[in-house]
PDB file of N, CA and C in Angstrom:
ATOM      1  N   MET A   1      -8.951   2.567 -14.952  1.00  0.00           N
ATOM      2  CA  MET A   1      -9.141   1.691 -13.775  1.00  0.00           C
ATOM      3  C   MET A   1      -9.732   0.395 -14.378  1.00  0.00           C
ATOM      4  N   GLU A   2      -8.951  -1.118 -13.637  1.00  0.00           N
ATOM      5  CA  GLU A   2     -10.173  -1.883 -14.428  1.00  0.00           C
ATOM      6  C   GLU A   2     -11.338  -2.160 -13.265  1.00  0.00           C
ATOM      7  N   ASN A   3     -11.623  -3.422 -13.891  1.00  0.00           N
ATOM      8  CA  ASN A   3     -12.367  -2.946 -13.315  1.00  0.00           C
ATOM      9  C   ASN A   3     -13.212  -3.725 -12.098  1.00  0.00           C
ATOM     10  N   VAL A   4     -13.479  -3.349 -10.863  1.00  0.00           N
ATOM     11  CA  VAL A   4     -12.964  -3.871  -9.470  1.00  0.00           C
ATOM     12  C   VAL A   4     -13.929  -4.006  -9.001  1.00  0.00           C
ATOM     13  N   SER A   5     -14.420  -5.474  -8.308  1.00  0.00           N
ATOM     14  CA  SER A   5     -15.753  -5.399  -7.534  1.00  0.00           C
ATOM     15  C   SER A   5     -15.922  -4.250  -6.349  1.00  0.00           C
ATOM     16  N   TYR A   6     -16.783  -5.011  -5.588  1.00  0.00           N
ATOM     17  CA  TYR A   6     -17.347  -3.782  -4.226  1.00  0.00           C
ATOM     18  C   TYR A   6     -16.144  -4.759  -3.254  1.00  0.00           C
ATOM     19  N   GLU A   7     -16.008  -6.076  -3.424  1.00  0.00           N
ATOM     20  CA  GLU A   7     -15.366  -6.760  -2.276  1.00  0.00           C
ATOM     21  C   GLU A   7     -14.062  -6.379  -2.255  1.00  0.00           C
ATOM     22  N   GLU A   8     -13.914  -6.409  -3.717  1.00  0.00           N
ATOM     23  CA  GLU A   8     -11.993  -6.190  -3.737  1.00  0.00           C
ATOM     24  C   GLU A   8     -12.459  -4.283  -3.488  1.00  0.00           C
ATOM     25  N   GLN A   9     -12.321  -3.849  -3.263  1.00  0.00           N
ATOM     26  CA  GLN A   9     -12.357  -2.835  -2.829  1.00  0.00           C
ATOM     27  C   GLN A   9     -12.389  -2.302  -2.090  1.00  0.00           C
ATOM     28  N   LEU A  10     -13.359  -3.572  -0.981  1.00  0.00           N
ATOM     29  CA  LEU A  10     -13.150  -3.084   1.032  1.00  0.00           C
ATOM     30  C   LEU A  10     -12.144  -3.967   0.414  1.00  0.00           C
ATOM     31  N   GLN A  11     -11.979  -4.796   0.455  1.00  0.00           N
ATOM     32  CA  GLN A  11     -10.297  -5.378   0.976  1.00  0.00           C
ATOM     33  C   GLN A  11      -8.948  -5.156   0.336  1.00  0.00           C
ATOM     34  N   SER A  12      -9.091  -4.210  -0.442  1.00  0.00           N
ATOM     35  CA  SER A  12      -7.896  -3.269  -0.653  1.00  0.00           C
ATOM     36  C   SER A  12      -7.766  -2.495  -0.325  1.00  0.00           C
ATOM     37  N   ILE A  13      -9.024  -1.501   0.433  1.00  0.00           N
ATOM     38  CA  ILE A  13      -8.354  -0.537   1.597  1.00  0.00           C
ATOM     39  C   ILE A  13      -8.403  -0.646   2.678  1.00  0.00           C
ATOM     40  N   GLN A  14      -8.938  -2.279   2.983  1.00  0.00           N
ATOM     41  CA  GLN A  14      -8.707  -2.514   4.394  1.00  0.00           C
ATOM     42  C   GLN A  14      -7.521  -3.488   4.363  1.00  0.00           C
ATOM     43  N   ALA A  15      -6.537  -3.477   3.211  1.00  0.00           N
ATOM     44  CA  ALA A  15      -5.206  -4.015   3.045  1.00  0.00           C
ATOM     45  C   ALA A  15      -4.438  -2.991   3.676  1.00  0.00           C
ATOM     46  N   PHE A  16      -5.198  -1.996   2.656  1.00  0.00           N
ATOM     47  CA  PHE A  16      -3.991  -1.019   3.348  1.00  0.00           C
ATOM     48  C   PHE A  16      -3.365  -0.428   4.660  1.00  0.00           C
ATOM     49  N   GLU A  17      -5.412  -0.314   5.085  1.00  0.00           N
ATOM     50  CA  GLU A  17      -5.306   0.219   6.903  1.00  0.00           C
ATOM     51  C   GLU A  17      -4.263  -0.617   7.473  1.00  0.00           C
ATOM     52  N   SER A  18      -4.195  -2.202   7.536  1.00  0.00           N
ATOM     53  CA  SER A  18      -3.487  -2.982   7.859  1.00  0.00           C
ATOM     54  C   SER A  18      -2.597  -2.453   8.118  1.00  0.00           C
ATOM     55  N   THR A  19      -1.796  -2.618   6.595  1.00  0.00           N
ATOM     56  CA  THR A  19      -0.072  -2.339   5.975  1.00  0.00           C
ATOM     57  C   THR A  19       0.490  -1.049   6.892  1.00  0.00           C
ATOM     58  N   ILE A  20      -1.087   0.095   6.886  1.00  0.00           N
ATOM     59  CA  ILE A  20      -0.782   1.371   7.267  1.00  0.00           C
ATOM     60  C   ILE A  20      -0.644   1.374   9.289  1.00  0.00           C
ATOM     61  N   ARG A  21      -1.035   1.097   9.818  1.00  0.00           N
ATOM     62  CA  ARG A  21      -1.246  -0.226  10.986  1.00  0.00           C
ATOM     63  C   ARG A  21       0.122  -0.164  11.677  1.00  0.00           C
ATOM     64  N   LYS A  22       0.643  -1.681  10.907  1.00  0.00           N
ATOM     65  CA  LYS A  22       2.234  -1.998  11.289  1.00  0.00           C
ATOM     66  C   LYS A  22       2.758  -1.481  11.170  1.00  0.00           C
ATOM     67  N   SER A  23       2.535  -0.822  10.107  1.00  0.00           N
ATOM     68  CA  SER A  23       3.803   0.608   9.739  1.00  0.00           C
ATOM     69  C   SER A  23       4.108   1.595  11.497  1.00  0.00           C
ATOM     70  N   GLU A  24       2.853   1.892  11.526  1.00  0.00           N
ATOM     71  CA  GLU A  24       2.909   3.000  11.975  1.00  0.00           C
ATOM     72  C   GLU A  24       3.108   2.095  13.480  1.00  0.00           C
ATOM     73  N   ASN A  25       2.785   1.399  14.090  1.00  0.00           N
ATOM     74  CA  ASN A  25       3.509   0.833  15.472  1.00  0.00           C
ATOM     75  C   ASN A  25       5.130   0.583  14.951  1.00  0.00           C
ATOM     76  N   ALA A  26       5.375   0.021  13.726  1.00  0.00           N
ATOM     77  CA  ALA A  26       6.785  -0.266  14.129  1.00  0.00           C
ATOM     78  C   ALA A  26       7.889   0.936  14.135  1.00  0.00           C
ATOM     79  N   LEU A  27       7.019   2.368  12.889  1.00  0.00           N
ATOM     80  CA  LEU A  27       7.994   3.899  13.081  1.00  0.00           C
ATOM     81  C   LEU A  27       7.876   4.000  14.821  1.00  0.00           C
ATOM     82  N   ALA A  28       6.380   3.900  15.369  1.00  0.00           N
ATOM     83  CA  ALA A  28       6.935   3.906  16.435  1.00  0.00           C
ATOM     84  C   ALA A  28       7.610   3.284  18.221  1.00  0.00           C
ATOM     85  N   ASN A  29       7.748   2.171  17.302  1.00  0.00           N
ATOM     86  CA  ASN A  29       9.264   1.404  17.997  1.00  0.00           C
ATOM     87  C   ASN A  29       9.873   1.933  17.572  1.00  0.00           C
ATOM     88  N   MET A  30      10.932   1.760  17.052  1.00  0.00           N
ATOM     89  CA  MET A  30      11.658   2.093  15.990  1.00  0.00           C
ATOM     90  C   MET A  30      12.389   3.522  16.934  1.00  0.00           C
ATOM     91  N   THR A  31      11.357   4.623  16.383  1.00  0.00           N
ATOM     92  CA  THR A  31      11.461   5.435  17.623  1.00  0.00           C
ATOM     93  C   THR A  31      11.517   5.966  18.513  1.00  0.00           C
ATOM     94  N   GLN A  32      11.068   4.987  19.114  1.00  0.00           N
ATOM     95  CA  GLN A  32      10.965   4.864  20.973  1.00  0.00           C
ATOM     96  C   GLN A  32      12.591   4.282  21.381  1.00  0.00           C
ATOM     97  N   LYS A  33      13.351   3.316  19.461  1.00  0.00           N
ATOM     98  CA  LYS A  33      14.714   2.415  20.107  1.00  0.00           C
ATOM     99  C   LYS A  33      15.474   2.978  20.082  1.00  0.00           C
ATOM    100  N   GLY A  34      15.159   4.514  19.626  1.00  0.00           N
ATOM    101  CA  GLY A  34      16.259   5.123  18.731  1.00  0.00           C
ATOM    102  C   GLY A  34      17.046   5.023  17.462  1.00  0.00           C
ATOM    103  N   ASN A  35      15.864   3.801  16.515  1.00  0.00           N
ATOM    104  CA  ASN A  35      16.553   3.401  15.674  1.00  0.00           C
ATOM    105  C   ASN A  35      15.924   4.571  14.430  1.00  0.00           C
ATOM    106  N   ASN A  36      16.976   4.418  12.909  1.00  0.00           N
ATOM    107  CA  ASN A  36      16.799   5.657  12.156  1.00  0.00           C
ATOM    108  C   ASN A  36      15.615   4.734  11.848  1.00  0.00           C
ATOM    109  N   THR A  37      14.959   6.068  10.954  1.00  0.00           N
ATOM    110  CA  THR A  37      13.672   5.767  10.460  1.00  0.00           C
ATOM    111  C   THR A  37      12.885   6.618   9.497  1.00  0.00           C
ATOM    112  N   THR A  38      14.174   6.882   9.002  1.00  0.00           N
ATOM    113  CA  THR A  38      13.921   7.026   7.556  1.00  0.00           C
ATOM    114  C   THR A  38      13.097   6.558   5.929  1.00  0.00           C
ATOM    115  N   LEU A  39      13.150   4.925   6.817  1.00  0.00           N
ATOM    116  CA  LEU A  39      12.771   4.238   5.318  1.00  0.00           C
ATOM    117  C   LEU A  39      11.515   3.956   6.015  1.00  0.00           C
ATOM    118  N   VAL A  40      11.358   3.565   6.992  1.00  0.00           N
ATOM    119  CA  VAL A  40       9.890   3.345   7.264  1.00  0.00           C
ATOM    120  C   VAL A  40       8.654   4.883   7.109  1.00  0.00           C
ATOM    121  N   GLN A  41       9.139   5.900   7.681  1.00  0.00           N
ATOM    122  CA  GLN A  41       8.791   6.914   7.024  1.00  0.00           C
ATOM    123  C   GLN A  41       8.158   7.347   5.196  1.00  0.00           C
ATOM    124  N   LYS A  42       9.074   6.653   4.925  1.00  0.00           N
ATOM    125  CA  LYS A  42       8.961   7.085   3.235  1.00  0.00           C
ATOM    126  C   LYS A  42       7.867   5.715   3.042  1.00  0.00           C
ATOM    127  N   ARG A  43       7.954   4.941   3.810  1.00  0.00           N
ATOM    128  CA  ARG A  43       7.118   3.824   3.464  1.00  0.00           C
ATOM    129  C   ARG A  43       5.509   3.949   3.597  1.00  0.00           C
ATOM    130  N   LEU A  44       5.781   4.351   4.380  1.00  0.00           N
ATOM    131  CA  LEU A  44       4.369   4.723   5.975  1.00  0.00           C
ATOM    132  C   LEU A  44       3.421   6.273   4.440  1.00  0.00           C
ATOM    133  N   LYS A  45       4.216   6.950   4.439  1.00  0.00           N
ATOM    134  CA  LYS A  45       4.181   7.880   3.429  1.00  0.00           C
ATOM    135  C   LYS A  45       3.337   7.130   1.751  1.00  0.00           C
ATOM    136  N   ALA A  46       4.058   6.566   1.161  1.00  0.00           N
ATOM    137  CA  ALA A  46       3.423   5.993   0.153  1.00  0.00           C
ATOM    138  C   ALA A  46       2.198   4.728   0.595  1.00  0.00           C
ATOM    139  N   LEU A  47       2.155   4.826   2.025  1.00  0.00           N
ATOM    140  CA  LEU A  47       1.389   3.500   2.226  1.00  0.00           C
ATOM    141  C   LEU A  47      -0.133   4.791   1.878  1.00  0.00           C
ATOM    142  N   TYR A  48      -0.040   6.266   2.906  1.00  0.00           N
ATOM    143  CA  TYR A  48      -1.134   6.873   3.114  1.00  0.00           C
ATOM    144  C   TYR A  48      -1.523   7.387   1.217  1.00  0.00           C
ATOM    145  N   ILE A  49      -0.854   7.321   0.221  1.00  0.00           N
ATOM    146  CA  ILE A  49      -1.223   7.364  -0.833  1.00  0.00           C
ATOM    147  C   ILE A  49      -1.690   7.007  -1.394  1.00  0.00           C
ATOM    148  N   GLY A  50      -1.357   5.781  -1.148  1.00  0.00           N
ATOM    149  CA  GLY A  50      -1.460   4.650  -1.689  1.00  0.00           C
ATOM    150  C   GLY A  50      -3.027   4.480  -1.945  1.00  0.00           C
ATOM    151  N   LEU A  51      -3.808   4.032  -0.403  1.00  0.00           N
ATOM    152  CA  LEU A  51      -4.801   3.981  -0.607  1.00  0.00           C
ATOM    153  C   LEU A  51      -5.133   5.505   0.036  1.00  0.00           C
ATOM    154  N   ALA A  52      -5.145   7.279  -0.453  1.00  0.00           N
ATOM    155  CA  ALA A  52      -5.900   8.176  -0.601  1.00  0.00           C
ATOM    156  C   ALA A  52      -6.017   7.790  -2.082  1.00  0.00           C
ATOM    157  N   MET A  53      -5.313   7.509  -2.753  1.00  0.00           N
ATOM    158  CA  MET A  53      -5.437   7.121  -4.466  1.00  0.00           C
ATOM    159  C   MET A  53      -6.774   6.126  -4.842  1.00  0.00           C
ATOM    160  N   LEU A  54      -6.955   5.111  -3.654  1.00  0.00           N
ATOM    161  CA  LEU A  54      -8.157   3.973  -4.154  1.00  0.00           C
ATOM    162  C   LEU A  54      -9.451   4.665  -3.244  1.00  0.00           C
ATOM    163  N   GLU A  55      -9.409   5.721  -2.409  1.00  0.00           N
ATOM    164  CA  GLU A  55     -10.675   6.861  -1.954  1.00  0.00           C
ATOM    165  C   GLU A  55     -10.928   7.782  -3.258  1.00  0.00           C
ATOM    166  N   PHE A  56      -9.654   7.773  -3.635  1.00  0.00           N
ATOM    167  CA  PHE A  56     -10.057   8.974  -4.499  1.00  0.00           C
ATOM    168  C   PHE A  56     -11.257   8.583  -5.994  1.00  0.00           C
ATOM    169  N   VAL A  57     -10.359   7.427  -6.149  1.00  0.00           N
ATOM    170  CA  VAL A  57     -10.855   6.347  -7.224  1.00  0.00           C
ATOM    171  C   VAL A  57     -12.091   6.131  -7.384  1.00  0.00           C
ATOM    172  N   TRP A  58     -12.317   5.447  -5.851  1.00  0.00           N
ATOM    173  CA  TRP A  58     -13.276   4.549  -6.045  1.00  0.00           C
ATOM    174  C   TRP A  58     -14.595   5.106  -5.239  1.00  0.00           C
ATOM    175  N   ASN A  59     -14.330   6.201  -3.917  1.00  0.00           N
ATOM    176  CA  ASN A  59     -14.938   7.022  -3.387  1.00  0.00           C
ATOM    177  C   ASN A  59     -15.494   8.099  -3.695  1.00  0.00           C
ATOM    178  N   ARG A  60     -14.761   9.258  -4.285  1.00  0.00           N
ATOM    179  CA  ARG A  60     -14.407   9.768  -4.614  1.00  0.00           C
ATOM    180  C   ARG A  60     -13.363  11.322  -3.811  1.00  0.00           C
ATOM    181  N   LYS A  61     -13.446  10.950  -2.177  1.00  0.00           N
ATOM    182  CA  LYS A  61     -12.484  11.492  -1.510  1.00  0.00           C
ATOM    183  C   LYS A  61     -11.732  12.128  -1.502  1.00  0.00           C
ATOM    184  N   SER A  62     -11.426  13.955  -1.996  1.00  0.00           N
ATOM    185  CA  SER A  62      -9.932  14.245  -2.241  1.00  0.00           C
ATOM    186  C   SER A  62      -8.787  14.501  -1.403  1.00  0.00           C
ATOM    187  N   HIS A  63      -7.742  14.303  -2.178  1.00  0.00           N
ATOM    188  CA  HIS A  63      -6.711  13.744  -1.070  1.00  0.00           C
ATOM    189  C   HIS A  63      -5.847  15.458  -1.202  1.00  0.00           C
ATOM    190  N   PRO A  64      -4.585  15.812  -0.494  1.00  0.00           N
ATOM    191  CA  PRO A  64      -3.663  16.827  -0.366  1.00  0.00           C
ATOM    192  C   PRO A  64      -2.297  16.724  -0.971  1.00  0.00           C
ATOM    193  N   TYR A  65      -2.768  16.023  -2.033  1.00  0.00           N
ATOM    194  CA  TYR A  65      -0.614  14.665  -2.154  1.00  0.00           C
ATOM    195  C   TYR A  65      -0.589  15.633  -3.901  1.00  0.00           C
ATOM    196  N   THR A  66       0.373  16.122  -4.213  1.00  0.00           N
ATOM    197  CA  THR A  66       0.948  16.723  -5.300  1.00  0.00           C
ATOM    198  C   THR A  66       1.224  15.741  -6.493  1.00  0.00           C
ATOM    199  N   GLU A  67       1.406  15.787  -7.648  1.00  0.00           N
ATOM    200  CA  GLU A  67       1.678  15.281  -8.626  1.00  0.00           C
ATOM    201  C   GLU A  67       3.295  14.776  -8.333  1.00  0.00           C
ATOM    202  N   GLU A  68       3.624  15.115  -8.161  1.00  0.00           N
ATOM    203  CA  GLU A  68       4.653  14.681  -7.209  1.00  0.00           C
ATOM    204  C   GLU A  68       5.123  13.481  -6.125  1.00  0.00           C
ATOM    205  N   ASP A  69       4.514  13.976  -5.270  1.00  0.00           N
ATOM    206  CA  ASP A  69       4.278  13.452  -4.218  1.00  0.00           C
ATOM    207  C   ASP A  69       3.320  11.735  -3.731  1.00  0.00           C
ATOM    208  N   ILE A  70       2.816  11.868  -5.528  1.00  0.00           N
ATOM    209  CA  ILE A  70       1.997  10.484  -5.742  1.00  0.00           C
ATOM    210  C   ILE A  70       3.168   9.344  -6.747  1.00  0.00           C
ATOM    211  N   ALA A  71       4.242  10.477  -7.930  1.00  0.00           N
ATOM    212  CA  ALA A  71       5.142   9.857  -8.484  1.00  0.00           C
ATOM    213  C   ALA A  71       6.065   9.183  -7.725  1.00  0.00           C
ATOM    214  N   GLY A  72       6.582   9.912  -6.492  1.00  0.00           N
ATOM    215  CA  GLY A  72       7.043   9.631  -5.502  1.00  0.00           C
ATOM    216  C   GLY A  72       6.852   7.913  -4.803  1.00  0.00           C
ATOM    217  N   ALA A  73       5.687   8.215  -4.253  1.00  0.00           N
ATOM    218  CA  ALA A  73       4.543   7.318  -3.501  1.00  0.00           C
ATOM    219  C   ALA A  73       4.475   5.918  -4.452  1.00  0.00           C
ATOM    220  N   ARG A  74       4.737   6.103  -5.833  1.00  0.00           N
ATOM    221  CA  ARG A  74       4.184   4.772  -6.638  1.00  0.00           C
ATOM    222  C   ARG A  74       4.947   4.717  -7.153  1.00  0.00           C
ATOM    223  N   LEU A  75       6.984   4.813  -7.337  1.00  0.00           N
ATOM    224  CA  LEU A  75       7.245   4.209  -6.986  1.00  0.00           C
ATOM    225  C   LEU A  75       8.060   3.571  -5.834  1.00  0.00           C
ATOM    226  N   VAL A  76       8.169   3.786  -4.268  1.00  0.00           N
ATOM    227  CA  VAL A  76       8.469   3.255  -3.108  1.00  0.00           C
ATOM    228  C   VAL A  76       7.293   2.127  -3.253  1.00  0.00           C
ATOM    229  N   LEU A  77       5.968   1.763  -3.911  1.00  0.00           N
ATOM    230  CA  LEU A  77       5.305   0.298  -4.012  1.00  0.00           C
ATOM    231  C   LEU A  77       5.507  -0.110  -4.208  1.00  0.00           C
ATOM    232  N   ILE A  78       6.133   0.659  -5.743  1.00  0.00           N
ATOM    233  CA  ILE A  78       6.561  -0.710  -6.706  1.00  0.00           C
ATOM    234  C   ILE A  78       7.982  -1.306  -6.358  1.00  0.00           C
ATOM    235  N   GLY A  79       9.023  -1.051  -5.537  1.00  0.00           N
ATOM    236  CA  GLY A  79       9.950  -1.045  -5.218  1.00  0.00           C
ATOM    237  C   GLY A  79       9.312  -2.245  -3.684  1.00  0.00           C
ATOM    238  N   LEU A  80       8.498  -2.344  -3.669  1.00  0.00           N
ATOM    239  CA  LEU A  80       8.340  -3.592  -2.632  1.00  0.00           C
ATOM    240  C   LEU A  80       7.412  -4.668  -3.063  1.00  0.00           C
ATOM    241  N   PHE A  81       7.267  -4.148  -4.924  1.00  0.00           N
ATOM    242  CA  PHE A  81       6.945  -5.890  -4.830  1.00  0.00           C
ATOM    243  C   PHE A  81       7.629  -6.953  -4.994  1.00  0.00           C
ATOM    244  N   PRO A  82       9.278  -6.856  -4.908  1.00  0.00           N
ATOM    245  CA  PRO A  82       9.929  -8.065  -4.920  1.00  0.00           C
ATOM    246  C   PRO A  82       9.512  -8.561  -3.521  1.00  0.00           C
ATOM    247  N   SER A  83       9.451  -7.884  -2.957  1.00  0.00           N
ATOM    248  CA  SER A  83      10.533  -8.481  -0.183  1.00  0.00           C
ATOM    249  C   SER A  83       8.314  -9.021  -0.776  1.00  0.00           C
ATOM    250  N   LEU A  84       7.737  -8.610  -1.229  1.00  0.00           N
ATOM    251  CA  LEU A  84       5.999  -9.284  -0.935  1.00  0.00           C
ATOM    252  C   LEU A  84       6.044 -10.273  -2.056  1.00  0.00           C
ATOM    253  N   GLU A  85       5.693 -10.226  -2.893  1.00  0.00           N
ATOM    254  CA  GLU A  85       6.127 -11.524  -4.330  1.00  0.00           C
ATOM    255  C   GLU A  85       7.562 -12.936  -3.039  1.00  0.00           C
ATOM    256  N   SER A  86       8.033 -12.158  -2.463  1.00  0.00           N
ATOM    257  CA  SER A  86       8.997 -13.184  -2.603  1.00  0.00           C
ATOM    258  C   SER A  86       8.388 -13.788  -1.104  1.00  0.00           C
ATOM    259  N   MET A  87       8.108 -13.545  -0.251  1.00  0.00           N
ATOM    260  CA  MET A  87       6.924 -13.384   0.914  1.00  0.00           C
ATOM    261  C   MET A  87       6.008 -14.657   0.497  1.00  0.00           C
ATOM    262  N   TYR A  88       5.237 -14.214  -0.646  1.00  0.00           N
ATOM    263  CA  TYR A  88       3.980 -14.705  -0.774  1.00  0.00           C
ATOM    264  C   TYR A  88       4.142 -16.008  -1.217  1.00  0.00           C
ATOM    265  N   ALA A  89       5.087 -16.335  -1.947  1.00  0.00           N
ATOM    266  CA  ALA A  89       6.206 -17.780  -2.082  1.00  0.00           C
ATOM    267  C   ALA A  89       6.188 -18.805  -1.610  1.00  0.00           C
ATOM    268  N   LYS A  90       6.845 -17.404  -0.211  1.00  0.00           N
ATOM    269  CA  LYS A  90       7.003 -19.103   0.652  1.00  0.00           C
ATOM    270  C   LYS A  90       6.159 -19.037   1.852  1.00  0.00           C
ATOM    271  N   SER A  91       5.078 -18.858   1.666  1.00  0.00           N
ATOM    272  CA  SER A  91       4.427 -19.020   3.153  1.00  0.00           C
ATOM    273  C   SER A  91       3.182 -20.652   1.857  1.00  0.00           C
ATOM    274  N   LYS A  92       2.642 -20.478   3.221  1.00  0.00           N
ATOM    275  CA  LYS A  92       1.843 -22.176   3.127  1.00  0.00           C
ATOM    276  C   LYS A  92       0.840 -21.751   2.301  1.00  0.00           C
ATOM    277  N   GLU A  93       0.501 -23.393   1.293  1.00  0.00           N
ATOM    278  CA  GLU A  93      -0.526 -22.757   0.584  1.00  0.00           C
ATOM    279  C   GLU A  93      -1.703 -23.021   2.020  1.00  0.00           C
ATOM    280  N   GLY A  94      -2.441 -21.525   1.222  1.00  0.00           N
ATOM    281  CA  GLY A  94      -3.964 -21.471   1.887  1.00  0.00           C
ATOM    282  C   GLY A  94      -3.628 -21.381   3.759  1.00  0.00           C
ATOM    283  N   SER A  95      -3.109 -20.209   4.035  1.00  0.00           N
ATOM    284  CA  SER A  95      -2.432 -20.058   5.442  1.00  0.00           C
ATOM    285  C   SER A  95      -3.473 -18.653   5.486  1.00  0.00           C
ATOM    286  N   PRO A  96      -3.573 -17.934   6.871  1.00  0.00           N
ATOM    287  CA  PRO A  96      -4.065 -16.810   6.251  1.00  0.00           C
ATOM    288  C   PRO A  96      -3.063 -15.646   5.978  1.00  0.00           C
ATOM    289  N   GLN A  97      -1.752 -16.077   6.196  1.00  0.00           N
ATOM    290  CA  GLN A  97      -0.917 -14.894   5.838  1.00  0.00           C
ATOM    291  C   GLN A  97      -0.340 -14.697   3.948  1.00  0.00           C
ATOM    292  N   LYS A  98      -0.972 -15.973   3.165  1.00  0.00           N
ATOM    293  CA  LYS A  98      -0.633 -16.737   2.189  1.00  0.00           C
ATOM    294  C   LYS A  98      -1.682 -15.453   1.720  1.00  0.00           C
ATOM    295  N   THR A  99      -3.069 -15.291   2.236  1.00  0.00           N
ATOM    296  CA  THR A  99      -4.648 -14.498   1.545  1.00  0.00           C
ATOM    297  C   THR A  99      -3.844 -13.209   1.959  1.00  0.00           C
ATOM    298  N   LEU A 100      -3.671 -12.990   2.975  1.00  0.00           N
ATOM    299  CA  LEU A 100      -3.287 -11.446   3.282  1.00  0.00           C
ATOM    300  C   LEU A 100      -1.885 -10.806   2.084  1.00  0.00           C
ATOM    301  N   LEU A 101      -1.334 -11.352   2.386  1.00  0.00           N
ATOM    302  CA  LEU A 101      -0.502 -11.154   0.948  1.00  0.00           C
ATOM    303  C   LEU A 101      -0.838 -10.890  -0.351  1.00  0.00           C
ATOM    304  N   GLU A 102      -1.599 -12.006  -0.636  1.00  0.00           N
ATOM    305  CA  GLU A 102      -2.188 -11.906  -1.899  1.00  0.00           C
ATOM    306  C   GLU A 102      -3.172 -10.224  -1.583  1.00  0.00           C
ATOM    307  N   ARG A 103      -4.117 -10.345  -1.046  1.00  0.00           N
ATOM    308  CA  ARG A 103      -4.608  -9.753  -1.091  1.00  0.00           C
ATOM    309  C   ARG A 103      -3.648  -7.708  -0.956  1.00  0.00           C
ATOM    310  N   ARG A 104      -2.899  -7.733  -0.615  1.00  0.00           N
ATOM    311  CA  ARG A 104      -1.906  -6.748   0.112  1.00  0.00           C
ATOM    312  C   ARG A 104      -1.528  -6.250  -1.450  1.00  0.00           C
ATOM    313  N   ILE A 105      -0.998  -7.672  -2.345  1.00  0.00           N
ATOM    314  CA  ILE A 105       0.119  -7.752  -4.042  1.00  0.00           C
ATOM    315  C   ILE A 105      -1.530  -6.547  -4.223  1.00  0.00           C
ATOM    316  N   LYS A 106      -2.272  -7.533  -4.799  1.00  0.00           N
ATOM    317  CA  LYS A 106      -2.916  -7.100  -5.303  1.00  0.00           C
ATOM    318  C   LYS A 106      -3.910  -5.138  -5.280  1.00  0.00           C
ATOM    319  N   ALA A 107      -3.774  -4.781  -3.559  1.00  0.00           N
ATOM    320  CA  ALA A 107      -4.145  -3.671  -3.545  1.00  0.00           C
ATOM    321  C   ALA A 107      -3.045  -2.553  -4.010  1.00  0.00           C
ATOM    322  N   PHE A 108      -1.589  -2.999  -3.869  1.00  0.00           N
ATOM    323  CA  PHE A 108      -1.002  -2.368  -3.993  1.00  0.00           C
ATOM    324  C   PHE A 108      -1.270  -1.974  -6.061  1.00  0.00           C
ATOM    325  N   HIS A 109      -1.288  -3.190  -6.180  1.00  0.00           N
ATOM    326  CA  HIS A 109      -1.253  -2.921  -7.890  1.00  0.00           C
ATOM    327  C   HIS A 109      -2.291  -1.957  -8.201  1.00  0.00           C
ATOM    328  N   LEU A 110      -3.227  -1.933  -7.144  1.00  0.00           N
ATOM    329  CA  LEU A 110      -4.400  -1.021  -7.808  1.00  0.00           C
ATOM    330  C   LEU A 110      -4.201   0.348  -7.890  1.00  0.00           C
ATOM    331  N   ALA A 111      -3.033   0.144  -6.562  1.00  0.00           N
ATOM    332  CA  ALA A 111      -2.891   1.330  -6.111  1.00  0.00           C
ATOM    333  C   ALA A 111      -2.296   1.944  -7.939  1.00  0.00           C
ATOM    334  N   VAL A 112      -0.950   1.480  -7.247  1.00  0.00           N
ATOM    335  CA  VAL A 112      -0.131   2.046  -8.282  1.00  0.00           C
ATOM    336  C   VAL A 112      -0.818   2.469 -10.065  1.00  0.00           C
ATOM    337  N   GLN A 113      -1.996   1.346 -10.591  1.00  0.00           N
ATOM    338  CA  GLN A 113      -2.502   1.219 -11.680  1.00  0.00           C
ATOM    339  C   GLN A 113      -3.408   2.442 -11.402  1.00  0.00           C
ATOM    340  N   ALA A 114      -4.120   3.296 -10.067  1.00  0.00           N
ATOM    341  CA  ALA A 114      -5.153   4.758  -9.993  1.00  0.00           C
ATOM    342  C   ALA A 114      -4.201   5.363 -10.238  1.00  0.00           C
ATOM    343  N   MET A 115      -2.743   5.553  -9.797  1.00  0.00           N
ATOM    344  CA  MET A 115      -1.629   6.369 -10.235  1.00  0.00           C
ATOM    345  C   MET A 115      -1.331   6.486 -11.433  1.00  0.00           C
ATOM    346  N   ASP A 116      -0.616   5.783 -11.589  1.00  0.00           N
ATOM    347  CA  ASP A 116      -0.648   6.137 -13.739  1.00  0.00           C
ATOM    348  C   ASP A 116      -1.818   6.187 -13.894  1.00  0.00           C
ATOM    349  N   ASP A 117      -3.321   6.340 -13.966  1.00  0.00           N
ATOM    350  CA  ASP A 117      -4.103   6.574 -14.383  1.00  0.00           C
ATOM    351  C   ASP A 117      -4.237   7.924 -14.825  1.00  0.00           C
ATOM    352  N   MET A 118      -3.995   8.574 -12.986  1.00  0.00           N
ATOM    353  CA  MET A 118      -4.080   9.828 -13.106  1.00  0.00           C
ATOM    354  C   MET A 118      -3.587  10.987 -13.932  1.00  0.00           C
ATOM    355  N   GLU A 119      -1.773   9.815 -14.155  1.00  0.00           N
ATOM    356  CA  GLU A 119      -0.807  10.763 -14.641  1.00  0.00           C
ATOM    357  C   GLU A 119      -1.288  11.024 -16.363  1.00  0.00           C
ATOM    358  N   ASN A 120      -2.250  10.186 -17.014  1.00  0.00           N
ATOM    359  CA  ASN A 120      -2.680  10.478 -17.962  1.00  0.00           C
ATOM    360  C   ASN A 120      -3.922  10.891 -18.348  1.00  0.00           C
TER     361      ASN A 120
END
C-alpha cells in the first residue's frame, strides 16, 4: 500500500465513519417507510469492511471478514466510484461538499488498495 500520512489516515477513517453514519440513517428511514433496503444493506456492509481494512492495515485491528466478504466489498466500493466522481465534478470549487467527496474518494481508493494487497 502506498505511503499515507497520519493526517490522511485519520481523514480516510473519518470519511468512512461519516459515510457509515449516513448510510445507517438512510437504512433506518427506508426500513421505517417499508422501502426495499437490499442495496443500502449491501453498501453498508461494504463500508464496514472497507473501514475494517484500513484499520487492519494502519492500526493492526483484527476483523471478522472472510476473503469472500472482502472480495464482494471491493466490487461494491469500486462500483461507487462513477457516482462519487460525477458528484465531485458537479460540486462547486472550494465547497465543503467537494472536500468531503475528495476525502471519501481517496478513502475508498485506499480501502480497495488494502483489499488488493491482502489478496497478494
